[in-house]
Amino acid sequence: MQESIEYQIFIGCADSQTYNEVVSDSELKEMVSMFFERNKINFSMLKVRGGYRHNCGRFITENSLCIDIVGISGLDIIKLAKGLSMYMNQECSLVTRNSLKTNLVFSKDNMDNNKLFEKGIKYEIFIGLKDKDSYIEILDVNDFKNIITQVCTHKQLSFSMMTQLGGYTHNKGYTTETSLRVVIIGADEDEITVLAEWLKHKINTDAVLITKTEIEYCFM
């Protein structure tokens, strides 16, 4: 595992003056994707629903995007976030920065109420659906999600899974593609590596990204 930095940019789609979504999340996603593809930046991006209080005191809920960038050096994240805010006419966008470890692979009734949170490790597996030879998404995303569900169920791995858009550099060039983020807490690192290798061969992709983060968590 290598030390790395993960940046997340959260940007809403509602105009700060009209409170209407002048640009849709799909349009923003396409614009951001084109920017990252031009600049050959590895990223993941997913649609979320968010809410925040404007300077006027009004609380707004809106469609938003979470842009995830891992292990990139030489990129001015603040400038990028400010540019997105200006483009969307937002009062601000939220940027988070987390230290994590990365590896690129070619019960409630028993809780102590005085200590709700316990330390643990969160693993995330990022896997794109494009075949490395044809650059086509051969396997349907829902079929692949069902396969991962069956594997994690068989191995008794607690997991969450999100569909998102991602982009990265293949051996033959840069591509954007549908990708999955699989979040697993409480597993052994060996299990995660085996699972990632299996997913890599199942999709026939160049690489799978694994991140490892120390967290505090609780089940409520």
Protein backbone atom coordinates (compact mmCIF):
# COMPACT_ATOMS: atom_id res chain seq x y z
CA MET A 1 0.00 0.00 0.00
CA GLN A 2 1.23 3.51 -0.88
CA GLU A 3 0.51 6.75 0.95
CA SER A 4 -1.77 9.00 -1.09
CA ILE A 5 -4.24 11.88 -0.88
CA GLU A 6 -7.92 11.74 -1.80
CA TYR A 7 -9.73 14.95 -2.71
CA GLN A 8 -13.51 15.16 -2.96
CA ILE A 9 -15.31 18.14 -4.47
CA PHE A 10 -19.03 18.50 -3.75
CA ILE A 11 -20.80 20.91 -6.11
CA GLY A 12 -24.54 21.62 -6.24
CA CYS A 13 -26.60 22.33 -9.34
CA ALA A 14 -29.00 25.01 -8.00
CA ASP A 15 -28.21 28.61 -9.00
CA SER A 16 -27.40 30.73 -5.91
CA GLN A 17 -29.76 33.53 -7.00
CA THR A 18 -32.73 31.78 -8.58
CA TYR A 19 -32.46 28.52 -6.57
CA ASN A 20 -33.31 26.67 -9.79
CA GLU A 21 -31.10 24.09 -11.50
CA VAL A 22 -30.02 26.08 -14.55
CA VAL A 23 -27.57 23.32 -15.49
CA SER A 24 -28.63 19.73 -14.84
CA ASP A 25 -26.43 17.26 -13.00
CA SER A 26 -26.12 15.28 -16.25
CA GLU A 27 -24.91 18.36 -18.14
CA LEU A 28 -22.44 19.19 -15.36
CA LYS A 29 -21.23 15.59 -15.29
CA GLU A 30 -20.56 15.68 -19.03
CA MET A 31 -18.70 19.00 -18.75
CA VAL A 32 -16.51 17.79 -15.87
CA SER A 33 -15.86 14.50 -17.64
CA MET A 34 -14.67 16.33 -20.77
CA PHE A 35 -12.37 18.52 -18.67
CA PHE A 36 -10.74 15.54 -16.95
CA GLU A 37 -10.42 13.64 -20.22
CA ARG A 38 -8.63 16.61 -21.87
CA ASN A 39 -6.24 16.86 -18.92
CA LYS A 40 -5.77 13.07 -18.51
CA ILE A 41 -6.83 13.19 -14.84
CA ASN A 42 -7.98 9.99 -13.10
CA PHE A 43 -11.29 10.58 -11.37
CA SER A 44 -14.56 9.11 -10.16
CA MET A 45 -17.83 10.98 -10.06
CA LEU A 46 -21.26 10.16 -8.69
CA LYS A 47 -24.59 11.89 -8.40
CA VAL A 48 -25.70 12.73 -4.88
CA ARG A 49 -28.50 14.68 -3.21
CA GLY A 50 -27.33 17.48 -0.96
CA GLY A 51 -28.49 20.45 1.03
CA TYR A 52 -26.93 23.56 2.54
CA ARG A 53 -27.83 26.97 3.93
CA HIS A 54 -27.29 29.93 1.61
CA ASN A 55 -25.85 33.22 2.87
CA CYS A 56 -29.38 34.64 2.87
CA GLY A 57 -30.40 32.03 5.45
CA ARG A 58 -32.48 29.92 3.07
CA PHE A 59 -31.80 26.17 3.17
CA ILE A 60 -31.77 24.51 -0.24
CA THR A 61 -31.75 20.85 -1.22
CA GLU A 62 -30.42 20.13 -4.67
CA ASN A 63 -28.96 17.57 -7.02
CA SER A 64 -25.18 17.57 -6.64
CA LEU A 65 -22.05 15.85 -7.84
CA CYS A 66 -19.26 14.32 -5.77
CA ILE A 67 -15.98 14.36 -7.72
CA ASP A 68 -13.35 12.02 -6.29
CA ILE A 69 -9.67 12.49 -7.23
CA VAL A 70 -7.01 10.15 -5.80
CA GLY A 71 -3.24 10.40 -5.97
CA ILE A 72 -2.95 13.37 -8.34
CA SER A 73 -0.01 15.76 -7.97
CA GLY A 74 0.39 19.12 -9.70
CA LEU A 75 -3.35 19.79 -9.85
CA ASP A 76 -4.67 22.98 -8.21
CA ILE A 77 -7.75 21.53 -6.49
CA ILE A 78 -8.80 24.88 -5.02
CA LYS A 79 -8.63 26.60 -8.40
CA LEU A 80 -10.64 23.76 -9.94
CA ALA A 81 -13.30 23.95 -7.21
CA LYS A 82 -13.56 27.75 -7.51
CA GLY A 83 -13.90 27.43 -11.27
CA LEU A 84 -16.75 24.95 -10.87
CA SER A 85 -18.45 27.27 -8.36
CA MET A 86 -18.23 30.19 -10.78
CA TYR A 87 -19.48 28.08 -13.68
CA MET A 88 -22.50 26.91 -11.67
CA ASN A 89 -23.02 30.36 -10.06
CA GLN A 90 -22.68 28.77 -6.64
CA GLU A 91 -21.77 30.58 -3.43
CA CYS A 92 -19.23 27.85 -2.80
CA SER A 93 -18.30 24.22 -3.33
CA LEU A 94 -17.05 21.88 -0.63
CA VAL A 95 -13.57 20.33 -0.85
CA THR A 96 -12.41 17.56 1.48
CA ARG A 97 -8.93 16.08 1.72
CA ASN A 98 -8.16 12.66 3.22
CA SER A 99 -4.92 10.76 3.72
CA LEU A 100 -5.23 7.15 2.65
CA LYS A 101 -3.32 4.17 1.41
CA THR A 102 -3.77 2.99 -2.15
CA ASN A 103 -2.86 -0.10 -4.11
CA LEU A 104 -3.26 -0.36 -7.86
CA VAL A 105 -3.74 -4.00 -8.76
CA PHE A 106 -2.56 -4.99 -12.42
CA SER A 107 -24.15 -6.13 15.98
CA LYS A 108 -26.09 -3.19 17.49
CA ASP A 109 -27.35 -5.05 20.61
CA ASN A 110 -23.77 -5.64 21.70
CA MET A 111 -22.65 -2.03 21.34
CA ASP A 112 -21.14 -0.17 24.26
CA ASN A 113 -23.30 2.94 24.45
CA ASN A 114 -20.46 4.82 26.14
CA LYS A 115 -18.26 4.24 23.13
CA LEU A 116 -20.37 4.31 19.98
CA PHE A 117 -17.48 4.68 17.55
CA GLU A 118 -14.73 2.14 17.14
CA LYS A 119 -11.65 2.26 14.97
CA GLY A 120 -11.50 0.21 11.83
CA ILE A 121 -10.34 0.03 8.23
CA LYS A 122 -12.43 0.97 5.21
CA TYR A 123 -11.45 -0.51 1.87
CA GLU A 124 -12.82 0.82 -1.40
CA ILE A 125 -12.47 -0.99 -4.71
CA PHE A 126 -12.87 1.05 -7.91
CA ILE A 127 -13.54 -1.05 -11.01
CA GLY A 128 -14.35 0.20 -14.52
CA LEU A 129 -16.52 -1.81 -16.89
CA LYS A 130 -14.68 -1.32 -20.18
CA ASP A 131 -12.88 -4.33 -21.62
CA LYS A 132 -9.17 -3.49 -21.98
CA ASP A 133 -8.99 -4.95 -25.50
CA SER A 134 -12.16 -3.62 -27.12
CA TYR A 135 -12.76 -0.49 -24.97
CA ILE A 136 -16.43 -1.55 -24.83
CA GLU A 137 -18.54 -2.14 -21.73
CA ILE A 138 -19.33 -5.77 -22.53
CA LEU A 139 -20.90 -6.68 -19.19
CA ASP A 140 -24.07 -4.85 -18.15
CA VAL A 141 -23.58 -2.84 -14.96
CA ASN A 142 -26.61 -4.41 -13.23
CA ASP A 143 -25.43 -7.91 -14.12
CA PHE A 144 -21.99 -7.11 -12.72
CA LYS A 145 -23.53 -5.68 -9.53
CA ASN A 146 -25.46 -8.94 -9.10
CA ILE A 147 -22.22 -10.93 -9.53
CA ILE A 148 -20.41 -8.82 -6.91
CA THR A 149 -23.39 -9.18 -4.56
CA GLN A 150 -23.29 -12.96 -4.88
CA VAL A 151 -19.51 -13.07 -4.29
CA CYS A 152 -19.65 -10.80 -1.21
CA THR A 153 -22.62 -12.75 0.16
CA HIS A 154 -20.77 -16.03 -0.31
CA LYS A 155 -17.68 -14.63 1.44
CA GLN A 156 -19.82 -12.97 4.16
CA LEU A 157 -18.29 -9.54 3.41
CA SER A 158 -20.33 -6.54 4.54
CA PHE A 159 -20.36 -4.15 1.59
CA SER A 160 -21.95 -1.14 -0.08
CA MET A 161 -21.84 -0.49 -3.80
CA MET A 162 -22.27 2.66 -5.91
CA THR A 163 -22.48 3.18 -9.66
CA GLN A 164 -20.53 6.15 -10.96
CA LEU A 165 -18.64 7.58 -13.90
CA GLY A 166 -14.87 7.25 -13.91
CA GLY A 167 -11.88 7.95 -16.09
CA TYR A 168 -8.33 6.63 -16.13
CA THR A 169 -5.38 5.87 -18.39
CA HIS A 170 -5.36 2.45 -20.05
CA ASN A 171 -2.24 0.88 -21.48
CA LYS A 172 -3.52 2.18 -24.85
CA GLY A 173 -4.77 5.61 -23.79
CA TYR A 174 -7.31 7.50 -21.68
CA THR A 175 -10.96 6.50 -21.38
CA THR A 176 -14.08 7.36 -19.42
CA GLU A 177 -16.44 4.58 -18.41
CA THR A 178 -19.15 3.37 -16.11
CA SER A 179 -17.51 2.17 -12.92
CA LEU A 180 -18.40 0.71 -9.55
CA ARG A 181 -17.17 1.67 -6.10
CA VAL A 182 -17.38 -1.20 -3.62
CA VAL A 183 -17.02 -0.16 0.03
CA ILE A 184 -16.06 -2.88 2.52
CA ILE A 185 -15.45 -2.47 6.26
CA GLY A 186 -14.13 -5.16 8.58
CA ALA A 187 -12.39 -7.44 6.08
CA ASP A 188 -8.83 -8.74 5.96
CA GLU A 189 -6.51 -7.11 3.45
CA ASP A 190 -5.82 -10.47 1.85
CA GLU A 191 -9.54 -10.93 1.19
CA ILE A 192 -9.73 -7.51 -0.47
CA THR A 193 -6.75 -8.24 -2.71
CA VAL A 194 -8.18 -11.59 -3.81
CA LEU A 195 -11.56 -10.00 -4.53
CA ALA A 196 -9.97 -7.15 -6.52
CA GLU A 197 -7.89 -9.56 -8.59
CA TRP A 198 -11.00 -11.64 -9.32
CA LEU A 199 -12.96 -8.55 -10.40
CA LYS A 200 -10.08 -7.44 -12.60
CA HIS A 201 -10.07 -10.72 -14.52
CA LYS A 202 -13.87 -10.91 -14.64
CA ILE A 203 -14.10 -7.55 -16.42
CA ASN A 204 -10.80 -8.02 -18.31
CA THR A 205 -9.63 -4.54 -17.35
CA ASP A 206 -6.08 -3.21 -17.04
CA ALA A 207 -6.22 -2.35 -13.36
CA VAL A 208 -8.36 -2.10 -10.25
CA LEU A 209 -7.82 0.66 -7.69
CA ILE A 210 -7.93 -0.19 -3.97
CA THR A 211 -7.94 2.48 -1.27
CA LYS A 212 -7.43 1.82 2.44
CA THR A 213 -8.53 4.38 5.04
CA GLU A 214 -8.42 4.32 8.83
CA ILE A 215 -11.85 5.35 10.08
CA GLU A 216 -14.08 5.46 13.13
CA TYR A 217 -17.49 3.91 12.61
CA CYS A 218 -20.59 2.70 14.37
CA PHE A 219 -23.77 0.86 13.45
CA MET A 220 -26.92 2.65 14.64
